Amino acid sequence: MLLAAYIVAGFVVAGVQAVGMLRGRRDRYHPVGFLTGFVTAAPALPVQIIVGDTVARQLFDDEPAKFAPIALLPGTGSHGPETLGGVPAELLAVVAAAFDRAPVNRAGAETSGRGPACER
């Protein structure tokens, strides 16, 4: 969490200074402020990816009951469903298939499916 806080704070500082630079303020304060925030946040980002992966793997091995709600799984077990944002992959496949069957007009935009009488 501390590493993530450094990343957020660094990019917020860099973003504020970048907005000032884009508005035409070219004094020494804005580039130095941007570099200070960016140099703090940018190197910490790859480290955060490694730390997050390590913590998730350790949590999965040590406390599977705690890992299930974090991963938005319905329960613990050896054959849990594959999810994307808490939505099971089977439901995502059904939604994708419904979009594949949607009627399309000649211009390529989707129609309402009610025919040309409803188009204005």
PDB file of N, CA and C in Angstrom:
ATOM      1  N   MET A   1       0.816  -1.193   0.000  1.00  0.00           N
ATOM      2  CA  MET A   1       0.000   0.000   0.000  1.00  0.00           C
ATOM      3  C   MET A   1       0.861   1.258   0.000  1.00  0.00           C
ATOM      4  N   LEU A   2       1.992   1.199   0.687  1.00  0.00           N
ATOM      5  CA  LEU A   2       2.867   2.361   0.735  1.00  0.00           C
ATOM      6  C   LEU A   2       3.435   2.658  -0.648  1.00  0.00           C
ATOM      7  N   LEU A   3       3.784   1.616  -1.366  1.00  0.00           N
ATOM      8  CA  LEU A   3       4.314   1.805  -2.716  1.00  0.00           C
ATOM      9  C   LEU A   3       3.255   2.405  -3.637  1.00  0.00           C
ATOM     10  N   ALA A   4       2.023   1.939  -3.519  1.00  0.00           N
ATOM     11  CA  ALA A   4       0.931   2.492  -4.322  1.00  0.00           C
ATOM     12  C   ALA A   4       0.672   3.948  -3.968  1.00  0.00           C
ATOM     13  N   ALA A   5       0.819   4.304  -2.693  1.00  0.00           N
ATOM     14  CA  ALA A   5       0.631   5.695  -2.286  1.00  0.00           C
ATOM     15  C   ALA A   5       1.699   6.597  -2.904  1.00  0.00           C
ATOM     16  N   TYR A   6       2.940   6.113  -2.964  1.00  0.00           N
ATOM     17  CA  TYR A   6       3.999   6.884  -3.621  1.00  0.00           C
ATOM     18  C   TYR A   6       3.689   7.075  -5.106  1.00  0.00           C
ATOM     19  N   ILE A   7       3.176   6.036  -5.740  1.00  0.00           N
ATOM     20  CA  ILE A   7       2.853   6.128  -7.168  1.00  0.00           C
ATOM     21  C   ILE A   7       1.745   7.146  -7.403  1.00  0.00           C
ATOM     22  N   VAL A   8       0.684   7.058  -6.614  1.00  0.00           N
ATOM     23  CA  VAL A   8      -0.442   7.984  -6.790  1.00  0.00           C
ATOM     24  C   VAL A   8      -0.009   9.415  -6.512  1.00  0.00           C
ATOM     25  N   ALA A   9       0.681   9.615  -5.407  1.00  0.00           N
ATOM     26  CA  ALA A   9       1.112  10.975  -5.057  1.00  0.00           C
ATOM     27  C   ALA A   9       2.068  11.540  -6.100  1.00  0.00           C
ATOM     28  N   GLY A  10       2.984  10.725  -6.586  1.00  0.00           N
ATOM     29  CA  GLY A  10       3.926  11.197  -7.591  1.00  0.00           C
ATOM     30  C   GLY A  10       3.254  11.584  -8.894  1.00  0.00           C
ATOM     31  N   PHE A  11       2.314  10.763  -9.349  1.00  0.00           N
ATOM     32  CA  PHE A  11       1.630  11.088 -10.604  1.00  0.00           C
ATOM     33  C   PHE A  11       0.657  12.248 -10.445  1.00  0.00           C
ATOM     34  N   VAL A  12       0.086  12.429  -9.260  1.00  0.00           N
ATOM     35  CA  VAL A  12      -0.778  13.593  -9.034  1.00  0.00           C
ATOM     36  C   VAL A  12       0.057  14.867  -9.086  1.00  0.00           C
ATOM     37  N   VAL A  13       1.199  14.871  -8.419  1.00  0.00           N
ATOM     38  CA  VAL A  13       2.085  16.042  -8.455  1.00  0.00           C
ATOM     39  C   VAL A  13       2.547  16.304  -9.884  1.00  0.00           C
ATOM     40  N   ALA A  14       2.965  15.263 -10.591  1.00  0.00           N
ATOM     41  CA  ALA A  14       3.417  15.435 -11.972  1.00  0.00           C
ATOM     42  C   ALA A  14       2.281  15.936 -12.860  1.00  0.00           C
ATOM     43  N   GLY A  15       1.074  15.444 -12.628  1.00  0.00           N
ATOM     44  CA  GLY A  15      -0.067  15.886 -13.435  1.00  0.00           C
ATOM     45  C   GLY A  15      -0.412  17.344 -13.209  1.00  0.00           C
ATOM     46  N   VAL A  16      -0.365  17.790 -11.967  1.00  0.00           N
ATOM     47  CA  VAL A  16      -0.659  19.197 -11.672  1.00  0.00           C
ATOM     48  C   VAL A  16       0.381  20.102 -12.326  1.00  0.00           C
ATOM     49  N   GLN A  17       1.637  19.712 -12.240  1.00  0.00           N
ATOM     50  CA  GLN A  17       2.685  20.519 -12.843  1.00  0.00           C
ATOM     51  C   GLN A  17       2.596  20.480 -14.374  1.00  0.00           C
ATOM     52  N   ALA A  18       2.197  19.345 -14.944  1.00  0.00           N
ATOM     53  CA  ALA A  18       2.046  19.247 -16.397  1.00  0.00           C
ATOM     54  C   ALA A  18       0.927  20.157 -16.896  1.00  0.00           C
ATOM     55  N   VAL A  19      -0.164  20.228 -16.138  1.00  0.00           N
ATOM     56  CA  VAL A  19      -1.258  21.132 -16.527  1.00  0.00           C
ATOM     57  C   VAL A  19      -0.765  22.575 -16.509  1.00  0.00           C
ATOM     58  N   GLY A  20       0.024  22.922 -15.491  1.00  0.00           N
ATOM     59  CA  GLY A  20       0.579  24.274 -15.442  1.00  0.00           C
ATOM     60  C   GLY A  20       1.489  24.554 -16.627  1.00  0.00           C
ATOM     61  N   MET A  21       2.285  23.580 -17.022  1.00  0.00           N
ATOM     62  CA  MET A  21       3.164  23.763 -18.175  1.00  0.00           C
ATOM     63  C   MET A  21       2.370  23.893 -19.464  1.00  0.00           C
ATOM     64  N   LEU A  22       1.270  23.121 -19.586  1.00  0.00           N
ATOM     65  CA  LEU A  22       0.441  23.215 -20.791  1.00  0.00           C
ATOM     66  C   LEU A  22      -0.294  24.545 -20.876  1.00  0.00           C
ATOM     67  N   ARG A  23      -0.505  25.176 -19.743  1.00  0.00           N
ATOM     68  CA  ARG A  23      -1.167  26.491 -19.737  1.00  0.00           C
ATOM     69  C   ARG A  23      -0.186  27.621 -19.978  1.00  0.00           C
ATOM     70  N   GLY A  24       1.066  27.309 -20.241  1.00  0.00           N
ATOM     71  CA  GLY A  24       2.018  28.326 -20.632  1.00  0.00           C
ATOM     72  C   GLY A  24       2.977  28.761 -19.552  1.00  0.00           C
ATOM     73  N   ARG A  25       2.940  28.195 -18.392  1.00  0.00           N
ATOM     74  CA  ARG A  25       3.865  28.589 -17.322  1.00  0.00           C
ATOM     75  C   ARG A  25       5.179  27.846 -17.534  1.00  0.00           C
ATOM     76  N   ARG A  26       6.182  28.558 -17.971  1.00  0.00           N
ATOM     77  CA  ARG A  26       7.469  27.941 -18.306  1.00  0.00           C
ATOM     78  C   ARG A  26       8.578  28.350 -17.338  1.00  0.00           C
ATOM     79  N   ASP A  27       8.225  28.707 -16.120  1.00  0.00           N
ATOM     80  CA  ASP A  27       9.265  29.037 -15.147  1.00  0.00           C
ATOM     81  C   ASP A  27       9.949  27.762 -14.667  1.00  0.00           C
ATOM     82  N   ARG A  28      10.929  27.874 -13.822  1.00  0.00           N
ATOM     83  CA  ARG A  28      11.694  26.714 -13.350  1.00  0.00           C
ATOM     84  C   ARG A  28      10.874  25.824 -12.420  1.00  0.00           C
ATOM     85  N   TYR A  29       9.890  26.376 -11.752  1.00  0.00           N
ATOM     86  CA  TYR A  29       9.098  25.651 -10.759  1.00  0.00           C
ATOM     87  C   TYR A  29       8.337  24.469 -11.375  1.00  0.00           C
ATOM     88  N   HIS A  30       7.708  24.649 -12.517  1.00  0.00           N
ATOM     89  CA  HIS A  30       6.860  23.604 -13.100  1.00  0.00           C
ATOM     90  C   HIS A  30       7.644  22.411 -13.655  1.00  0.00           C
ATOM     91  N   PRO A  31       8.711  22.599 -14.422  1.00  0.00           N
ATOM     92  CA  PRO A  31       9.461  21.416 -14.869  1.00  0.00           C
ATOM     93  C   PRO A  31      10.113  20.641 -13.721  1.00  0.00           C
ATOM     94  N   VAL A  32      10.615  21.361 -12.715  1.00  0.00           N
ATOM     95  CA  VAL A  32      11.235  20.667 -11.581  1.00  0.00           C
ATOM     96  C   VAL A  32      10.167  19.911 -10.794  1.00  0.00           C
ATOM     97  N   GLY A  33       8.994  20.508 -10.614  1.00  0.00           N
ATOM     98  CA  GLY A  33       7.900  19.825  -9.924  1.00  0.00           C
ATOM     99  C   GLY A  33       7.423  18.600 -10.684  1.00  0.00           C
ATOM    100  N   PHE A  34       7.349  18.723 -12.009  1.00  0.00           N
ATOM    101  CA  PHE A  34       6.946  17.580 -12.830  1.00  0.00           C
ATOM    102  C   PHE A  34       7.954  16.451 -12.701  1.00  0.00           C
ATOM    103  N   LEU A  35       9.238  16.773 -12.815  1.00  0.00           N
ATOM    104  CA  LEU A  35      10.270  15.738 -12.728  1.00  0.00           C
ATOM    105  C   LEU A  35      10.325  15.108 -11.345  1.00  0.00           C
ATOM    106  N   THR A  36      10.100  15.901 -10.307  1.00  0.00           N
ATOM    107  CA  THR A  36      10.108  15.344  -8.953  1.00  0.00           C
ATOM    108  C   THR A  36       9.004  14.306  -8.791  1.00  0.00           C
ATOM    109  N   GLY A  37       7.798  14.633  -9.217  1.00  0.00           N
ATOM    110  CA  GLY A  37       6.690  13.680  -9.120  1.00  0.00           C
ATOM    111  C   GLY A  37       6.883  12.468 -10.012  1.00  0.00           C
ATOM    112  N   PHE A  38       7.330  12.706 -11.227  1.00  0.00           N
ATOM    113  CA  PHE A  38       7.466  11.614 -12.184  1.00  0.00           C
ATOM    114  C   PHE A  38       8.601  10.672 -11.799  1.00  0.00           C
ATOM    115  N   VAL A  39       9.713  11.237 -11.329  1.00  0.00           N
ATOM    116  CA  VAL A  39      10.850  10.408 -10.940  1.00  0.00           C
ATOM    117  C   VAL A  39      10.521   9.601  -9.683  1.00  0.00           C
ATOM    118  N   THR A  40       9.614  10.089  -8.864  1.00  0.00           N
ATOM    119  CA  THR A  40       9.174   9.330  -7.695  1.00  0.00           C
ATOM    120  C   THR A  40       8.256   8.175  -8.102  1.00  0.00           C
ATOM    121  N   ALA A  41       7.346   8.420  -9.030  1.00  0.00           N
ATOM    122  CA  ALA A  41       6.308   7.440  -9.360  1.00  0.00           C
ATOM    123  C   ALA A  41       6.742   6.413 -10.403  1.00  0.00           C
ATOM    124  N   ALA A  42       7.445   6.839 -11.418  1.00  0.00           N
ATOM    125  CA  ALA A  42       7.745   5.940 -12.540  1.00  0.00           C
ATOM    126  C   ALA A  42       8.570   4.714 -12.146  1.00  0.00           C
ATOM    127  N   PRO A  43       9.654   4.844 -11.368  1.00  0.00           N
ATOM    128  CA  PRO A  43      10.397   3.627 -11.004  1.00  0.00           C
ATOM    129  C   PRO A  43       9.628   2.713 -10.060  1.00  0.00           C
ATOM    130  N   ALA A  44       8.701   3.264  -9.305  1.00  0.00           N
ATOM    131  CA  ALA A  44       7.943   2.448  -8.357  1.00  0.00           C
ATOM    132  C   ALA A  44       6.882   1.598  -9.051  1.00  0.00           C
ATOM    133  N   LEU A  45       6.500   1.944 -10.259  1.00  0.00           N
ATOM    134  CA  LEU A  45       5.427   1.218 -10.947  1.00  0.00           C
ATOM    135  C   LEU A  45       5.785  -0.228 -11.269  1.00  0.00           C
ATOM    136  N   PRO A  46       6.926  -0.539 -11.880  1.00  0.00           N
ATOM    137  CA  PRO A  46       7.241  -1.955 -12.111  1.00  0.00           C
ATOM    138  C   PRO A  46       7.437  -2.735 -10.813  1.00  0.00           C
ATOM    139  N   VAL A  47       7.966  -2.053  -9.793  1.00  0.00           N
ATOM    140  CA  VAL A  47       8.140  -2.717  -8.504  1.00  0.00           C
ATOM    141  C   VAL A  47       6.776  -3.069  -7.910  1.00  0.00           C
ATOM    142  N   GLN A  48       5.785  -2.179  -8.076  1.00  0.00           N
ATOM    143  CA  GLN A  48       4.436  -2.442  -7.568  1.00  0.00           C
ATOM    144  C   GLN A  48       3.814  -3.647  -8.269  1.00  0.00           C
ATOM    145  N   ILE A  49       4.068  -3.819  -9.539  1.00  0.00           N
ATOM    146  CA  ILE A  49       3.536  -4.975 -10.265  1.00  0.00           C
ATOM    147  C   ILE A  49       4.107  -6.263  -9.684  1.00  0.00           C
ATOM    148  N   ILE A  50       5.403  -6.279  -9.433  1.00  0.00           N
ATOM    149  CA  ILE A  50       6.040  -7.476  -8.877  1.00  0.00           C
ATOM    150  C   ILE A  50       5.561  -7.741  -7.456  1.00  0.00           C
ATOM    151  N   VAL A  51       5.480  -6.693  -6.637  1.00  0.00           N
ATOM    152  CA  VAL A  51       5.023  -6.854  -5.255  1.00  0.00           C
ATOM    153  C   VAL A  51       3.573  -7.328  -5.222  1.00  0.00           C
ATOM    154  N   GLY A  52       2.717  -6.743  -6.055  1.00  0.00           N
ATOM    155  CA  GLY A  52       1.314  -7.150  -6.095  1.00  0.00           C
ATOM    156  C   GLY A  52       1.139  -8.598  -6.511  1.00  0.00           C
ATOM    157  N   ASP A  53       1.909  -9.028  -7.501  1.00  0.00           N
ATOM    158  CA  ASP A  53       1.836 -10.421  -7.932  1.00  0.00           C
ATOM    159  C   ASP A  53       2.311 -11.363  -6.838  1.00  0.00           C
ATOM    160  N   THR A  54       3.388 -10.999  -6.165  1.00  0.00           N
ATOM    161  CA  THR A  54       3.921 -11.833  -5.087  1.00  0.00           C
ATOM    162  C   THR A  54       2.929 -11.950  -3.935  1.00  0.00           C
ATOM    163  N   VAL A  55       2.322 -10.844  -3.551  1.00  0.00           N
ATOM    164  CA  VAL A  55       1.347 -10.858  -2.454  1.00  0.00           C
ATOM    165  C   VAL A  55       0.110 -11.669  -2.844  1.00  0.00           C
ATOM    166  N   ALA A  56      -0.355 -11.538  -4.086  1.00  0.00           N
ATOM    167  CA  ALA A  56      -1.528 -12.300  -4.522  1.00  0.00           C
ATOM    168  C   ALA A  56      -1.243 -13.798  -4.527  1.00  0.00           C
ATOM    169  N   ARG A  57      -0.063 -14.190  -4.980  1.00  0.00           N
ATOM    170  CA  ARG A  57       0.286 -15.617  -4.973  1.00  0.00           C
ATOM    171  C   ARG A  57       0.408 -16.160  -3.557  1.00  0.00           C
ATOM    172  N   GLN A  58       0.983 -15.370  -2.661  1.00  0.00           N
ATOM    173  CA  GLN A  58       1.103 -15.799  -1.271  1.00  0.00           C
ATOM    174  C   GLN A  58      -0.274 -15.907  -0.617  1.00  0.00           C
ATOM    175  N   LEU A  59      -1.148 -14.958  -0.902  1.00  0.00           N
ATOM    176  CA  LEU A  59      -2.494 -15.000  -0.353  1.00  0.00           C
ATOM    177  C   LEU A  59      -3.267 -16.199  -0.887  1.00  0.00           C
ATOM    178  N   PHE A  60      -3.083 -16.525  -2.161  1.00  0.00           N
ATOM    179  CA  PHE A  60      -3.755 -17.675  -2.750  1.00  0.00           C
ATOM    180  C   PHE A  60      -3.312 -18.968  -2.075  1.00  0.00           C
ATOM    181  N   ASP A  61      -2.032 -19.079  -1.777  1.00  0.00           N
ATOM    182  CA  ASP A  61      -1.513 -20.291  -1.142  1.00  0.00           C
ATOM    183  C   ASP A  61      -1.875 -20.375   0.334  1.00  0.00           C
ATOM    184  N   ASP A  62      -1.768 -19.262   1.055  1.00  0.00           N
ATOM    185  CA  ASP A  62      -1.934 -19.284   2.503  1.00  0.00           C
ATOM    186  C   ASP A  62      -3.381 -19.151   2.964  1.00  0.00           C
ATOM    187  N   GLU A  63      -4.172 -18.303   2.299  1.00  0.00           N
ATOM    188  CA  GLU A  63      -5.533 -18.034   2.749  1.00  0.00           C
ATOM    189  C   GLU A  63      -6.503 -18.023   1.557  1.00  0.00           C
ATOM    190  N   PRO A  64      -6.884 -19.188   1.039  1.00  0.00           N
ATOM    191  CA  PRO A  64      -7.769 -19.232  -0.132  1.00  0.00           C
ATOM    192  C   PRO A  64      -9.158 -18.658   0.149  1.00  0.00           C
ATOM    193  N   ALA A  65      -9.622 -18.734   1.393  1.00  0.00           N
ATOM    194  CA  ALA A  65     -10.944 -18.174   1.709  1.00  0.00           C
ATOM    195  C   ALA A  65     -10.937 -16.655   1.604  1.00  0.00           C
ATOM    196  N   LYS A  66      -9.797 -16.038   1.845  1.00  0.00           N
ATOM    197  CA  LYS A  66      -9.694 -14.586   1.708  1.00  0.00           C
ATOM    198  C   LYS A  66      -9.447 -14.199   0.250  1.00  0.00           C
ATOM    199  N   PHE A  67      -8.793 -15.081  -0.506  1.00  0.00           N
ATOM    200  CA  PHE A  67      -8.495 -14.773  -1.908  1.00  0.00           C
ATOM    201  C   PHE A  67      -9.757 -14.791  -2.770  1.00  0.00           C
ATOM    202  N   ALA A  68     -10.707 -15.666  -2.464  1.00  0.00           N
ATOM    203  CA  ALA A  68     -11.920 -15.796  -3.288  1.00  0.00           C
ATOM    204  C   ALA A  68     -12.698 -14.487  -3.383  1.00  0.00           C
ATOM    205  N   PRO A  69     -13.002 -13.790  -2.287  1.00  0.00           N
ATOM    206  CA  PRO A  69     -13.739 -12.532  -2.448  1.00  0.00           C
ATOM    207  C   PRO A  69     -12.917 -11.429  -3.108  1.00  0.00           C
ATOM    208  N   ILE A  70     -11.595 -11.458  -2.905  1.00  0.00           N
ATOM    209  CA  ILE A  70     -10.761 -10.449  -3.552  1.00  0.00           C
ATOM    210  C   ILE A  70     -10.795 -10.640  -5.069  1.00  0.00           C
ATOM    211  N   ALA A  71     -10.790 -11.884  -5.528  1.00  0.00           N
ATOM    212  CA  ALA A  71     -10.836 -12.184  -6.957  1.00  0.00           C
ATOM    213  C   ALA A  71     -12.260 -12.215  -7.498  1.00  0.00           C
ATOM    214  N   LEU A  72     -13.253 -11.888  -6.664  1.00  0.00           N
ATOM    215  CA  LEU A  72     -14.678 -11.869  -7.033  1.00  0.00           C
ATOM    216  C   LEU A  72     -15.163 -13.240  -7.497  1.00  0.00           C
ATOM    217  N   LEU A  73     -14.707 -14.281  -6.807  1.00  0.00           N
ATOM    218  CA  LEU A  73     -15.165 -15.634  -7.094  1.00  0.00           C
ATOM    219  C   LEU A  73     -16.326 -15.971  -6.162  1.00  0.00           C
ATOM    220  N   PRO A  74     -17.274 -16.814  -6.592  1.00  0.00           N
ATOM    221  CA  PRO A  74     -18.411 -17.155  -5.733  1.00  0.00           C
ATOM    222  C   PRO A  74     -18.034 -18.017  -4.530  1.00  0.00           C
ATOM    223  N   GLY A  75     -16.907 -18.711  -4.588  1.00  0.00           N
ATOM    224  CA  GLY A  75     -16.490 -19.549  -3.472  1.00  0.00           C
ATOM    225  C   GLY A  75     -15.105 -20.117  -3.731  1.00  0.00           C
ATOM    226  N   THR A  76     -14.575 -20.822  -2.731  1.00  0.00           N
ATOM    227  CA  THR A  76     -13.260 -21.434  -2.904  1.00  0.00           C
ATOM    228  C   THR A  76     -13.423 -22.823  -3.504  1.00  0.00           C
ATOM    229  N   GLY A  77     -12.404 -23.298  -4.157  1.00  0.00           N
ATOM    230  CA  GLY A  77     -12.425 -24.626  -4.756  1.00  0.00           C
ATOM    231  C   GLY A  77     -11.336 -24.757  -5.783  1.00  0.00           C
ATOM    232  N   SER A  78     -11.126 -26.001  -6.228  1.00  0.00           N
ATOM    233  CA  SER A  78     -10.053 -26.237  -7.183  1.00  0.00           C
ATOM    234  C   SER A  78     -10.443 -25.874  -8.610  1.00  0.00           C
ATOM    235  N   HIS A  79     -11.737 -25.865  -8.931  1.00  0.00           N
ATOM    236  CA  HIS A  79     -12.173 -25.567 -10.298  1.00  0.00           C
ATOM    237  C   HIS A  79     -13.132 -24.388 -10.287  1.00  0.00           C
ATOM    238  N   GLY A  80     -12.650 -23.223  -9.875  1.00  0.00           N
ATOM    239  CA  GLY A  80     -13.485 -22.021  -9.853  1.00  0.00           C
ATOM    240  C   GLY A  80     -13.717 -21.497 -11.253  1.00  0.00           C
ATOM    241  N   PRO A  81     -14.807 -20.769 -11.459  1.00  0.00           N
ATOM    242  CA  PRO A  81     -15.092 -20.241 -12.795  1.00  0.00           C
ATOM    243  C   PRO A  81     -14.144 -19.101 -13.154  1.00  0.00           C
ATOM    244  N   GLU A  82     -13.888 -18.978 -14.439  1.00  0.00           N
ATOM    245  CA  GLU A  82     -13.083 -17.870 -14.916  1.00  0.00           C
ATOM    246  C   GLU A  82     -13.962 -16.629 -14.950  1.00  0.00           C
ATOM    247  N   THR A  83     -13.493 -15.544 -14.328  1.00  0.00           N
ATOM    248  CA  THR A  83     -14.292 -14.327 -14.259  1.00  0.00           C
ATOM    249  C   THR A  83     -13.502 -13.148 -14.806  1.00  0.00           C
ATOM    250  N   LEU A  84     -14.221 -12.152 -15.268  1.00  0.00           N
ATOM    251  CA  LEU A  84     -13.631 -10.895 -15.697  1.00  0.00           C
ATOM    252  C   LEU A  84     -14.422  -9.788 -15.024  1.00  0.00           C
ATOM    253  N   GLY A  85     -13.844  -9.191 -13.982  1.00  0.00           N
ATOM    254  CA  GLY A  85     -14.549  -8.157 -13.235  1.00  0.00           C
ATOM    255  C   GLY A  85     -15.719  -8.702 -12.439  1.00  0.00           C
ATOM    256  N   GLY A  86     -15.658  -9.953 -12.040  1.00  0.00           N
ATOM    257  CA  GLY A  86     -16.727 -10.563 -11.269  1.00  0.00           C
ATOM    258  C   GLY A  86     -17.823 -11.187 -12.113  1.00  0.00           C
ATOM    259  N   VAL A  87     -17.761 -11.028 -13.429  1.00  0.00           N
ATOM    260  CA  VAL A  87     -18.769 -11.600 -14.329  1.00  0.00           C
ATOM    261  C   VAL A  87     -18.213 -12.916 -14.869  1.00  0.00           C
ATOM    262  N   PRO A  88     -18.951 -14.026 -14.708  1.00  0.00           N
ATOM    263  CA  PRO A  88     -18.452 -15.314 -15.222  1.00  0.00           C
ATOM    264  C   PRO A  88     -18.245 -15.287 -16.730  1.00  0.00           C
ATOM    265  N   ALA A  89     -17.247 -16.015 -17.200  1.00  0.00           N
ATOM    266  CA  ALA A  89     -16.902 -16.033 -18.622  1.00  0.00           C
ATOM    267  C   ALA A  89     -18.039 -16.587 -19.475  1.00  0.00           C
ATOM    268  N   GLU A  90     -18.833 -17.513 -18.916  1.00  0.00           N
ATOM    269  CA  GLU A  90     -19.955 -18.061 -19.688  1.00  0.00           C
ATOM    270  C   GLU A  90     -20.970 -16.972 -20.024  1.00  0.00           C
ATOM    271  N   LEU A  91     -21.245 -16.077 -19.066  1.00  0.00           N
ATOM    272  CA  LEU A  91     -22.183 -14.984 -19.311  1.00  0.00           C
ATOM    273  C   LEU A  91     -21.614 -14.004 -20.327  1.00  0.00           C
ATOM    274  N   LEU A  92     -20.323 -13.756 -20.261  1.00  0.00           N
ATOM    275  CA  LEU A  92     -19.700 -12.870 -21.241  1.00  0.00           C
ATOM    276  C   LEU A  92     -19.790 -13.451 -22.644  1.00  0.00           C
ATOM    277  N   ALA A  93     -19.682 -14.776 -22.774  1.00  0.00           N
ATOM    278  CA  ALA A  93     -19.802 -15.420 -24.087  1.00  0.00           C
ATOM    279  C   ALA A  93     -21.216 -15.270 -24.627  1.00  0.00           C
ATOM    280  N   VAL A  94     -22.232 -15.368 -23.760  1.00  0.00           N
ATOM    281  CA  VAL A  94     -23.617 -15.201 -24.193  1.00  0.00           C
ATOM    282  C   VAL A  94     -23.862 -13.778 -24.670  1.00  0.00           C
ATOM    283  N   VAL A  95     -23.339 -12.793 -23.945  1.00  0.00           N
ATOM    284  CA  VAL A  95     -23.513 -11.398 -24.338  1.00  0.00           C
ATOM    285  C   VAL A  95     -22.801 -11.121 -25.656  1.00  0.00           C
ATOM    286  N   ALA A  96     -21.585 -11.654 -25.824  1.00  0.00           N
ATOM    287  CA  ALA A  96     -20.850 -11.458 -27.072  1.00  0.00           C
ATOM    288  C   ALA A  96     -21.591 -12.097 -28.246  1.00  0.00           C
ATOM    289  N   ALA A  97     -22.179 -13.271 -28.038  1.00  0.00           N
ATOM    290  CA  ALA A  97     -22.938 -13.924 -29.114  1.00  0.00           C
ATOM    291  C   ALA A  97     -24.173 -13.114 -29.478  1.00  0.00           C
ATOM    292  N   ALA A  98     -24.802 -12.469 -28.495  1.00  0.00           N
ATOM    293  CA  ALA A  98     -25.970 -11.641 -28.781  1.00  0.00           C
ATOM    294  C   ALA A  98     -25.579 -10.438 -29.630  1.00  0.00           C
ATOM    295  N   PHE A  99     -24.424  -9.850 -29.386  1.00  0.00           N
ATOM    296  CA  PHE A  99     -23.973  -8.727 -30.199  1.00  0.00           C
ATOM    297  C   PHE A  99     -23.592  -9.167 -31.601  1.00  0.00           C
ATOM    298  N   ASP A 100     -23.117 -10.404 -31.757  1.00  0.00           N
ATOM    299  CA  ASP A 100     -22.768 -10.900 -33.084  1.00  0.00           C
ATOM    300  C   ASP A 100     -24.003 -11.081 -33.955  1.00  0.00           C
ATOM    301  N   ARG A 101     -25.160 -11.347 -33.337  1.00  0.00           N
ATOM    302  CA  ARG A 101     -26.389 -11.561 -34.099  1.00  0.00           C
ATOM    303  C   ARG A 101     -27.201 -10.291 -34.290  1.00  0.00           C
ATOM    304  N   ALA A 102     -26.724  -9.145 -33.781  1.00  0.00           N
ATOM    305  CA  ALA A 102     -27.484  -7.901 -33.894  1.00  0.00           C
ATOM    306  C   ALA A 102     -27.568  -7.478 -35.363  1.00  0.00           C
ATOM    307  N   PRO A 103     -28.744  -6.994 -35.803  1.00  0.00           N
ATOM    308  CA  PRO A 103     -28.879  -6.551 -37.192  1.00  0.00           C
ATOM    309  C   PRO A 103     -28.046  -5.298 -37.447  1.00  0.00           C
ATOM    310  N   VAL A 104     -27.466  -5.239 -38.651  1.00  0.00           N
ATOM    311  CA  VAL A 104     -26.611  -4.118 -39.026  1.00  0.00           C
ATOM    312  C   VAL A 104     -27.124  -3.559 -40.341  1.00  0.00           C
ATOM    313  N   ASN A 105     -27.196  -2.210 -40.439  1.00  0.00           N
ATOM    314  CA  ASN A 105     -27.639  -1.611 -41.700  1.00  0.00           C
ATOM    315  C   ASN A 105     -26.462  -1.492 -42.659  1.00  0.00           C
ATOM    316  N   ARG A 106     -26.676  -0.947 -43.830  1.00  0.00           N
ATOM    317  CA  ARG A 106     -25.637  -0.908 -44.866  1.00  0.00           C
ATOM    318  C   ARG A 106     -24.471  -0.005 -44.491  1.00  0.00           C
ATOM    319  N   ALA A 107     -24.731   1.015 -43.675  1.00  0.00           N
ATOM    320  CA  ALA A 107     -23.656   1.944 -43.293  1.00  0.00           C
ATOM    321  C   ALA A 107     -22.760   1.343 -42.211  1.00  0.00           C
ATOM    322  N   GLY A 108     -23.160   0.221 -41.626  1.00  0.00           N
ATOM    323  CA  GLY A 108     -22.355  -0.433 -40.623  1.00  0.00           C
ATOM    324  C   GLY A 108     -22.806  -0.163 -39.206  1.00  0.00           C
ATOM    325  N   ALA A 109     -23.733   0.771 -39.000  1.00  0.00           N
ATOM    326  CA  ALA A 109     -24.231   1.068 -37.652  1.00  0.00           C
ATOM    327  C   ALA A 109     -25.347   0.094 -37.309  1.00  0.00           C
ATOM    328  N   GLU A 110     -25.444  -0.256 -36.044  1.00  0.00           N
ATOM    329  CA  GLU A 110     -26.498  -1.173 -35.622  1.00  0.00           C
ATOM    330  C   GLU A 110     -27.851  -0.486 -35.693  1.00  0.00           C
ATOM    331  N   THR A 111     -28.877  -1.247 -36.082  1.00  0.00           N
ATOM    332  CA  THR A 111     -30.229  -0.707 -36.143  1.00  0.00           C
ATOM    333  C   THR A 111     -31.010  -1.171 -34.926  1.00  0.00           C
ATOM    334  N   SER A 112     -32.192  -0.634 -34.775  1.00  0.00           N
ATOM    335  CA  SER A 112     -33.024  -1.014 -33.626  1.00  0.00           C
ATOM    336  C   SER A 112     -33.667  -2.375 -33.843  1.00  0.00           C
ATOM    337  N   GLY A 113     -33.647  -2.903 -35.039  1.00  0.00           N
ATOM    338  CA  GLY A 113     -34.229  -4.203 -35.310  1.00  0.00           C
ATOM    339  C   GLY A 113     -35.724  -4.143 -35.611  1.00  0.00           C
ATOM    340  N   ARG A 114     -36.271  -2.932 -35.686  1.00  0.00           N
ATOM    341  CA  ARG A 114     -37.710  -2.793 -35.928  1.00  0.00           C
ATOM    342  C   ARG A 114     -38.035  -2.464 -37.382  1.00  0.00           C
ATOM    343  N   GLY A 115     -37.037  -2.320 -38.181  1.00  0.00           N
ATOM    344  CA  GLY A 115     -37.277  -2.044 -39.583  1.00  0.00           C
ATOM    345  C   GLY A 115     -37.120  -0.581 -39.919  1.00  0.00           C
ATOM    346  N   PRO A 116     -37.219  -0.230 -41.220  1.00  0.00           N
ATOM    347  CA  PRO A 116     -36.968   1.141 -41.656  1.00  0.00           C
ATOM    348  C   PRO A 116     -38.069   2.113 -41.231  1.00  0.00           C
ATOM    349  N   ALA A 117     -39.232   1.628 -40.835  1.00  0.00           N
ATOM    350  CA  ALA A 117     -40.319   2.542 -40.455  1.00  0.00           C
ATOM    351  C   ALA A 117     -39.986   3.294 -39.161  1.00  0.00           C
ATOM    352  N   CYS A 118     -39.159   2.722 -38.333  1.00  0.00           N
ATOM    353  CA  CYS A 118     -38.836   3.362 -37.049  1.00  0.00           C
ATOM    354  C   CYS A 118     -37.659   4.332 -37.158  1.00  0.00           C
ATOM    355  N   GLU A 119     -36.914   4.285 -38.251  1.00  0.00           N
ATOM    356  CA  GLU A 119     -35.777   5.178 -38.415  1.00  0.00           C
ATOM    357  C   GLU A 119     -36.249   6.537 -38.849  1.00  0.00           C
ATOM    358  N   ARG A 120     -35.632   7.581 -38.339  1.00  0.00           N
ATOM    359  CA  ARG A 120     -36.046   8.952 -38.688  1.00  0.00           C
ATOM    360  C   ARG A 120     -34.981   9.628 -39.500  1.00  0.00           C
TER     361      ARG A 120
END
